[in-house]
Protein backbone atom coordinates (compact mmCIF):
# COMPACT_ATOMS: atom_id res chain seq x y z
CA MET A 1 14.20 12.17 24.75
CA ALA A 2 12.46 9.47 24.34
CA THR A 3 13.62 6.04 23.15
CA LEU A 4 11.66 3.43 21.04
CA GLU A 5 12.78 0.04 20.50
CA VAL A 6 11.06 -1.62 17.50
CA ASN A 7 12.37 -4.41 14.62
CA ASN A 8 12.35 -3.23 11.23
CA LYS A 9 9.07 -4.79 10.24
CA GLN A 10 7.75 -2.56 13.25
CA LEU A 11 9.84 0.76 11.87
CA ARG A 12 8.10 0.21 8.38
CA LEU A 13 4.82 0.00 9.77
CA ILE A 14 5.27 3.41 11.55
CA GLN A 15 7.05 4.64 7.90
CA GLN A 16 3.49 3.34 6.33
CA ALA A 17 1.57 5.40 9.55
CA LEU A 18 3.16 8.40 9.18
CA ASP A 19 3.19 8.45 5.54
CA LEU A 20 -0.59 8.15 5.40
CA TYR A 21 -0.96 10.59 8.24
CA SER A 22 0.86 13.39 6.10
CA ARG A 23 -0.79 12.65 2.71
CA ILE A 24 -4.11 12.83 4.08
CA GLY A 25 -2.97 15.96 5.74
CA ILE A 26 -2.30 17.57 2.48
CA GLY A 27 -4.96 16.56 0.71
CA GLN A 28 -3.87 12.86 -0.58
CA PHE A 29 -7.28 10.94 0.27
CA SER A 30 -7.10 8.82 -2.51
CA VAL A 31 -4.42 7.12 -0.56
CA ILE A 32 -7.10 5.73 2.01
CA LYS A 33 -8.56 3.10 -0.96
CA ASP A 34 -4.51 1.72 -0.49
CA HIS A 35 -4.53 0.85 2.81
CA PRO A 36 -3.80 -3.00 2.72
CA THR A 37 -7.59 -3.57 4.92
CA PHE A 38 -9.61 -1.93 2.02
CA GLU A 39 -7.09 -2.63 -0.97
CA GLN A 40 -7.72 -6.21 0.13
CA HIS A 41 -11.44 -5.63 0.50
CA ILE A 42 -11.72 -4.18 -2.67
CA ALA A 43 -10.13 -6.94 -4.92
CA ASN A 44 -11.90 -9.96 -2.71
CA THR A 45 -15.19 -8.03 -3.82
CA CYS A 46 -13.79 -8.21 -7.30
CA ARG A 47 -13.07 -11.86 -7.04
CA PRO A 48 -15.66 -14.96 -8.08
CA THR A 49 -17.08 -16.58 -5.18
CA ASN A 50 -18.37 -19.48 -7.03
CA ILE A 51 -16.96 -23.07 -6.55
CA PRO A 52 -13.29 -23.19 -8.99
CA ILE A 53 -13.98 -25.44 -11.79
CA VAL A 54 -11.59 -26.85 -14.51
CA GLY A 55 -9.75 -23.71 -16.56
CA ASP A 56 -10.64 -21.03 -13.96
CA SER A 57 -8.22 -18.85 -13.36
CA THR A 58 -6.30 -18.72 -9.85
CA PRO A 59 -3.54 -16.59 -8.60
CA GLN A 60 -1.68 -19.94 -7.92
CA GLY A 61 -1.95 -20.67 -11.52
CA LYS A 62 -4.78 -22.44 -13.74
CA VAL A 63 -7.33 -25.40 -12.34
CA LEU A 64 -6.23 -28.08 -14.21
CA GLU A 65 -8.59 -31.00 -12.61
CA ILE A 66 -10.80 -31.31 -9.42
CA LYS A 67 -11.60 -34.40 -7.50
CA ASN A 68 -11.94 -35.54 -3.80
CA GLY A 69 -12.56 -32.13 -2.92
CA LYS A 70 -9.43 -30.99 -4.17
CA ALA A 71 -8.06 -28.66 -6.79
CA LEU A 72 -5.07 -29.39 -8.93
CA ILE A 73 -3.78 -26.72 -9.58
CA ASP A 74 -1.15 -25.68 -12.53
CA GLY A 75 2.00 -24.15 -11.18
CA SER A 76 2.58 -22.08 -8.11
CA VAL A 77 4.33 -19.17 -6.48
CA LYS A 78 6.97 -19.46 -3.92
CA ASN A 79 9.03 -16.91 -2.31
CA GLY A 80 8.04 -14.36 -5.16
CA MET A 81 9.50 -17.07 -7.98
CA TRP A 82 7.05 -18.69 -10.16
CA ASP A 83 7.12 -22.74 -9.45
CA LYS A 84 5.77 -24.52 -12.55
CA ALA A 85 5.06 -27.51 -9.94
CA THR A 86 1.52 -28.65 -9.81
CA GLU A 87 -0.22 -28.59 -6.59
CA TRP A 88 -3.34 -30.16 -5.17
CA LYS A 89 -5.26 -27.52 -2.79
CA LYS A 90 -8.90 -27.90 -0.80
CA LEU A 91 -11.36 -26.39 -2.76
CA LYS A 92 -12.42 -23.94 0.08
CA ASP A 93 -8.49 -22.97 -0.31
CA VAL A 94 -8.65 -22.20 -3.80
CA LYS A 95 -9.66 -18.34 -4.51
CA LEU A 96 -10.11 -17.30 -8.07
CA SER A 97 -8.75 -14.51 -9.74
CA THR A 98 -9.64 -10.86 -9.30
CA ASP A 99 -11.51 -9.38 -11.95
CA TYR A 100 -9.27 -6.26 -12.51
CA GLN A 101 -11.86 -4.73 -14.78
CA LYS A 102 -13.95 -4.44 -11.96
CA PHE A 103 -11.32 -3.91 -9.47
CA HIS A 104 -10.32 -0.70 -10.99
CA PHE A 105 -13.56 0.53 -11.51
CA LYS A 106 -14.56 0.52 -7.84
CA ARG A 107 -11.15 2.00 -7.27
CA ASP A 108 -11.98 5.20 -9.70
CA VAL A 109 -15.33 5.06 -7.99
CA ILE A 110 -13.89 5.14 -4.63
CA ASP A 111 -11.38 8.07 -5.84
CA GLY A 112 -14.14 10.50 -7.27
CA LEU A 113 -15.96 9.93 -3.54
CA LEU A 114 -12.79 10.43 -1.89
CA HIS A 115 -12.17 13.10 -3.95
CA GLU A 116 -15.50 15.05 -3.10
CA ALA A 117 -14.96 14.43 0.44
CA ARG A 118 -12.09 16.23 0.45
CA ASN A 119 -12.99 19.29 -1.41
CA VAL A 120 -15.68 19.69 1.11
CA LEU A 121 -12.77 19.33 3.97
CA ILE A 122 -10.92 21.76 2.44
CA GLN A 123 -13.57 24.37 1.07
CA GLU A 124 -11.37 24.29 -2.00
CA PRO A 125 -14.91 22.73 -4.77
CA SER A 126 -12.73 22.56 -7.44
CA HIS A 127 -9.26 21.66 -6.53
CA PRO A 128 -8.28 18.99 -9.23
CA ARG A 129 -8.81 15.41 -8.35
CA ASN A 130 -5.05 14.31 -8.28
CA GLY A 131 -4.00 17.73 -6.78
CA SER A 132 -3.07 18.42 -3.08
CA TRP A 133 -1.63 20.88 -1.11
CA GLY A 134 2.38 20.88 -1.11
CA ILE A 135 4.00 19.69 2.73
CA HIS A 136 4.60 23.56 2.59
CA ASN A 137 1.63 24.57 2.10
CA PRO A 138 0.55 27.40 4.67
CA LYS A 139 -3.05 25.44 5.09
CA VAL A 140 -1.34 22.25 6.39
CA ASP A 141 -1.33 21.16 9.83
CA GLU A 142 2.65 21.58 11.17
CA THR A 143 2.21 17.83 12.60
CA CYS A 144 2.07 17.12 8.80
CA ARG A 145 5.79 18.66 8.18
CA GLU A 146 7.11 16.71 11.47
CA ALA A 147 5.73 13.02 9.94
CA TYR A 148 7.18 14.18 6.87
CA ASP A 149 10.27 14.78 8.56
CA LEU A 150 10.42 11.26 10.63
CA ILE A 151 9.72 9.68 7.17
CA GLN A 152 12.49 10.99 5.56
CA VAL A 153 14.75 10.01 8.58
CA ILE A 154 13.26 6.41 8.59
CA ARG A 155 13.35 5.95 5.05
CA HIS A 156 17.21 7.19 4.46
CA GLU A 157 18.23 4.32 7.46
CA PHE A 158 16.62 1.51 5.54
CA TRP A 159 18.27 2.98 2.33
CA LYS A 160 21.74 3.28 3.91
CA ALA A 161 21.03 -0.24 5.35
CA ASP A 162 20.42 -1.58 1.24
CA GLU A 163 23.59 -3.14 -0.17
CA THR A 164 21.73 -2.10 -3.64
CA ARG A 165 20.78 1.41 -2.95
CA SER A 166 21.08 4.23 -5.82
CA ASP A 167 22.33 7.93 -5.12
CA ILE A 168 19.38 9.08 -7.10
CA THR A 169 16.32 7.93 -5.31
CA VAL A 170 14.72 10.27 -2.87
CA ASP A 171 15.50 8.10 -0.06
CA SER A 172 19.24 8.97 -0.75
CA SER A 173 19.17 12.36 1.37
CA ILE A 174 17.24 14.00 3.97
CA HIS A 175 15.71 17.63 3.47
CA LEU A 176 14.05 18.70 7.22
CA THR A 177 11.39 20.68 7.41
CA THR A 178 10.65 21.84 10.83
CA GLU A 179 12.95 22.73 13.73
CA ASP A 180 12.61 19.74 15.87
CA SER A 181 13.37 17.44 13.66
CA ASN A 182 17.45 17.20 13.92
CA ASN A 183 16.74 15.48 17.14
CA ILE A 184 15.73 12.56 15.08
CA LYS A 185 17.93 9.99 15.56
CA VAL A 186 17.07 6.12 13.96
CA THR A 187 19.71 3.41 14.50
CA LEU A 188 18.88 -0.37 12.31
């Protein structure tokens, strides 16, 4: 039996990596674009790159004034909460808001390309765009089921540690699918 000691943040990353692995293995290629690297890159390429001017929208708020190489921003987000206080930021640090129409258009184009690539790999040219094999499909490699079992055990431990947990969420129970999965132990 092997033991791996990680903190909760690292355990979440392991869970996300296993989720990506198992989803790709069942043919859900569209999750590739949701990887933080690519999601952020798409958002950045859909953000105007010009220097902000008064009236521009930013993720921190509206640009009220510009002087001495800084922009006065109306409001900001702190700790996930909207704070109405104004704030001066260096112009180089002010990022304009993402153009979400362009963002979603790019994501749709990428989804189409990933769908085509997936169908070539699985040799099912008419497999629906948002369809995938189930985790128990015989065409799916056993390692995907093992990854799925690991995910279930990890997320269930996070569920148990959550004081506001609900008994009707997917993480409230575990349904293991492989023989070796009964040996999985996670402790937070």
